[in-house]
Structure formats: structure tokens, C-alpha cells
Amino acid sequence: MTIEKTKLTYDVQLPPFPLGEKNSGKPSKSLFKVVPGPIDQLRASSTGAMSEVARARIALQERGEKVSELEKQTADMMQHAEGFRDASHQLMNKYKDKKWYQF
């Protein structure tokens, strides 16, 4: 019984890979091409959505500032109304016992 050793050869051509430490872990540029497709459209729409969110955030902040200003103006108006009420009450008490011809 004899066993013959045969040599097998394969006719496979591998693409040229750059070798070395600086190229390790990086894909070969000749193997992959960037093909624009739905990913680019999604990126564009997500960028647009992000800008819309930023605009909404700015509008919300401006609205908050306006509401704060209105609260301050309302508090000032309330103080002025209380002062007017007190002054009119004092005036009423001063002239309540006098007749129209005594003024």
C-alpha cells in the first residue's frame, strides 16, 4: 500500500492588499466604492430634522422669555392697581360724609 502525495494548486487571484502596520485593520480602497443611496438621503433628512429641532428649541426659549416678561408686567400692573385702589379708597373716605355742595 502506497500513499501518493499530491500537490493541489488553486488558481485564485487575490486583490492586492497593502500590508504593514499602518494599513492593518483598514479596508482596501480598491475593494469598496461609496455608492450614493438611501443612506445619503437619510443623512440629509436627519440633518434637516436636527435643524428643525434646533429651531423649535430656540422658539421655545424665546417663548419662555416672553412669558417671563409678561409675568413681570402683570405683577407690576397688579401693584399699580393696588396703589390706585388704596388711593381711591382714601379719597372716598375723605369725602364720604360731605354733600355735593360742600366740596
C-alpha atoms as a PDB file:
ATOM      1  CA  MET A   1       0.000   0.000   0.000  1.00  0.00           C
ATOM      2  CA  THR A   2       1.485   3.247  -1.104  1.00  0.00           C
ATOM      3  CA  ILE A   3       0.159   6.699  -0.487  1.00  0.00           C
ATOM      4  CA  GLU A   4       0.954   9.271  -3.020  1.00  0.00           C
ATOM      5  CA  LYS A   5       1.201  12.841  -2.002  1.00  0.00           C
ATOM      6  CA  THR A   6      -0.273  15.175  -4.492  1.00  0.00           C
ATOM      7  CA  LYS A   7       0.121  18.867  -4.615  1.00  0.00           C
ATOM      8  CA  LEU A   8      -3.032  20.862  -5.120  1.00  0.00           C
ATOM      9  CA  THR A   9      -2.823  24.238  -6.680  1.00  0.00           C
ATOM     10  CA  TYR A  10      -5.554  26.789  -6.785  1.00  0.00           C
ATOM     11  CA  ASP A  11      -5.968  29.410  -9.434  1.00  0.00           C
ATOM     12  CA  VAL A  12      -7.362  32.160  -7.230  1.00  0.00           C
ATOM     13  CA  GLN A  13      -6.261  35.717  -7.672  1.00  0.00           C
ATOM     14  CA  LEU A  14      -6.490  37.819  -4.562  1.00  0.00           C
ATOM     15  CA  PRO A  15      -6.821  41.572  -4.810  1.00  0.00           C
ATOM     16  CA  PRO A  16      -3.653  43.364  -3.814  1.00  0.00           C
ATOM     17  CA  PHE A  17      -3.858  44.160  -0.117  1.00  0.00           C
ATOM     18  CA  PRO A  18      -1.440  46.686   1.314  1.00  0.00           C
ATOM     19  CA  LEU A  19       0.473  45.038   4.080  1.00  0.00           C
ATOM     20  CA  GLY A  20       2.074  46.581   7.113  1.00  0.00           C
ATOM     21  CA  GLU A  21       1.124  48.036  10.476  1.00  0.00           C
ATOM     22  CA  LYS A  22      -0.164  51.345   9.210  1.00  0.00           C
ATOM     23  CA  ASN A  23      -2.624  49.592   6.878  1.00  0.00           C
ATOM     24  CA  SER A  24      -3.742  46.855   9.226  1.00  0.00           C
ATOM     25  CA  GLY A  25      -7.417  46.945  10.071  1.00  0.00           C
ATOM     26  CA  LYS A  26      -8.247  49.332   7.245  1.00  0.00           C
ATOM     27  CA  PRO A  27     -10.226  48.246   4.209  1.00  0.00           C
ATOM     28  CA  SER A  28      -8.583  48.417   0.856  1.00  0.00           C
ATOM     29  CA  LYS A  29      -9.720  51.417  -1.149  1.00  0.00           C
ATOM     30  CA  SER A  30      -9.831  49.407  -4.318  1.00  0.00           C
ATOM     31  CA  LEU A  31     -12.363  46.938  -2.917  1.00  0.00           C
ATOM     32  CA  PHE A  32     -15.129  49.270  -1.810  1.00  0.00           C
ATOM     33  CA  LYS A  33     -16.816  52.136  -3.552  1.00  0.00           C
ATOM     34  CA  VAL A  34     -19.184  54.607  -1.975  1.00  0.00           C
ATOM     35  CA  VAL A  35     -22.442  54.373  -3.819  1.00  0.00           C
ATOM     36  CA  PRO A  36     -24.941  57.116  -3.011  1.00  0.00           C
ATOM     37  CA  GLY A  37     -28.215  55.622  -1.954  1.00  0.00           C
ATOM     38  CA  PRO A  38     -30.866  55.708   0.726  1.00  0.00           C
ATOM     39  CA  ILE A  39     -28.275  56.246   3.465  1.00  0.00           C
ATOM     40  CA  ASP A  40     -27.318  59.630   1.997  1.00  0.00           C
ATOM     41  CA  GLN A  41     -30.977  60.585   1.779  1.00  0.00           C
ATOM     42  CA  LEU A  42     -31.468  59.549   5.404  1.00  0.00           C
ATOM     43  CA  ARG A  43     -28.456  61.622   6.438  1.00  0.00           C
ATOM     44  CA  ALA A  44     -29.833  64.642   4.604  1.00  0.00           C
ATOM     45  CA  SER A  45     -33.287  64.238   6.141  1.00  0.00           C
ATOM     46  CA  SER A  46     -31.820  63.678   9.622  1.00  0.00           C
ATOM     47  CA  THR A  47     -29.748  66.846   9.235  1.00  0.00           C
ATOM     48  CA  GLY A  48     -32.905  68.699   8.239  1.00  0.00           C
ATOM     49  CA  ALA A  49     -34.752  67.234  11.223  1.00  0.00           C
ATOM     50  CA  MET A  50     -31.933  68.243  13.545  1.00  0.00           C
ATOM     51  CA  SER A  51     -32.080  71.817  12.268  1.00  0.00           C
ATOM     52  CA  GLU A  52     -35.864  71.810  12.778  1.00  0.00           C
ATOM     53  CA  VAL A  53     -35.359  70.608  16.360  1.00  0.00           C
ATOM     54  CA  ALA A  54     -32.798  73.376  16.924  1.00  0.00           C
ATOM     55  CA  ARG A  55     -35.258  75.964  15.564  1.00  0.00           C
ATOM     56  CA  ALA A  56     -38.007  74.581  17.801  1.00  0.00           C
ATOM     57  CA  ARG A  57     -35.714  74.752  20.822  1.00  0.00           C
ATOM     58  CA  ILE A  58     -34.847  78.398  20.066  1.00  0.00           C
ATOM     59  CA  ALA A  59     -38.533  79.246  19.560  1.00  0.00           C
ATOM     60  CA  LEU A  60     -39.368  77.552  22.871  1.00  0.00           C
ATOM     61  CA  GLN A  61     -36.674  79.533  24.647  1.00  0.00           C
ATOM     62  CA  GLU A  62     -37.944  82.800  23.134  1.00  0.00           C
ATOM     63  CA  ARG A  63     -41.489  81.899  24.150  1.00  0.00           C
ATOM     64  CA  GLY A  64     -40.299  81.247  27.713  1.00  0.00           C
ATOM     65  CA  GLU A  65     -38.608  84.654  27.797  1.00  0.00           C
ATOM     66  CA  LYS A  66     -41.789  86.346  26.547  1.00  0.00           C
ATOM     67  CA  VAL A  67     -43.895  84.533  29.163  1.00  0.00           C
ATOM     68  CA  SER A  68     -41.454  85.625  31.893  1.00  0.00           C
ATOM     69  CA  GLU A  69     -41.673  89.234  30.677  1.00  0.00           C
ATOM     70  CA  LEU A  70     -45.478  89.039  30.692  1.00  0.00           C
ATOM     71  CA  GLU A  71     -45.443  87.687  34.252  1.00  0.00           C
ATOM     72  CA  LYS A  72     -43.260  90.608  35.336  1.00  0.00           C
ATOM     73  CA  GLN A  73     -45.532  93.130  33.604  1.00  0.00           C
ATOM     74  CA  THR A  74     -48.598  91.511  35.191  1.00  0.00           C
ATOM     75  CA  ALA A  75     -47.033  91.749  38.664  1.00  0.00           C
ATOM     76  CA  ASP A  76     -46.186  95.437  38.059  1.00  0.00           C
ATOM     77  CA  MET A  77     -49.722  96.126  36.833  1.00  0.00           C
ATOM     78  CA  MET A  78     -51.117  94.402  39.922  1.00  0.00           C
ATOM     79  CA  GLN A  79     -49.006  96.599  42.222  1.00  0.00           C
ATOM     80  CA  HIS A  80     -50.167  99.746  40.393  1.00  0.00           C
ATOM     81  CA  ALA A  81     -53.788  98.584  40.633  1.00  0.00           C
ATOM     82  CA  GLU A  82     -53.437  98.037  44.386  1.00  0.00           C
ATOM     83  CA  GLY A  83     -51.950 101.525  44.762  1.00  0.00           C
ATOM     84  CA  PHE A  84     -54.813 103.002  42.724  1.00  0.00           C
ATOM     85  CA  ARG A  85     -57.331 101.094  44.846  1.00  0.00           C
ATOM     86  CA  ASP A  86     -55.758 102.375  48.094  1.00  0.00           C
ATOM     87  CA  ALA A  87     -55.659 105.983  46.826  1.00  0.00           C
ATOM     88  CA  SER A  88     -59.283 105.852  45.643  1.00  0.00           C
ATOM     89  CA  HIS A  89     -60.371 104.305  48.966  1.00  0.00           C
ATOM     90  CA  GLN A  90     -58.651 107.113  50.897  1.00  0.00           C
ATOM     91  CA  LEU A  91     -60.286 109.708  48.666  1.00  0.00           C
ATOM     92  CA  MET A  92     -63.678 108.082  49.140  1.00  0.00           C
ATOM     93  CA  ASN A  93     -63.267 108.058  52.942  1.00  0.00           C
ATOM     94  CA  LYS A  94     -62.214 111.724  52.902  1.00  0.00           C
ATOM     95  CA  TYR A  95     -65.311 112.878  51.013  1.00  0.00           C
ATOM     96  CA  LYS A  96     -67.938 110.310  52.037  1.00  0.00           C
ATOM     97  CA  ASP A  97     -69.648 112.487  54.675  1.00  0.00           C
ATOM     98  CA  LYS A  98     -69.663 115.672  52.604  1.00  0.00           C
ATOM     99  CA  LYS A  99     -72.520 116.675  50.383  1.00  0.00           C
ATOM    100  CA  TRP A 100     -72.107 117.776  46.817  1.00  0.00           C
ATOM    101  CA  TYR A 101     -72.440 121.439  47.712  1.00  0.00           C
ATOM    102  CA  GLN A 102     -69.751 121.221  50.431  1.00  0.00           C
ATOM    103  CA  PHE A 103     -66.918 120.467  48.048  1.00  0.00           C
END
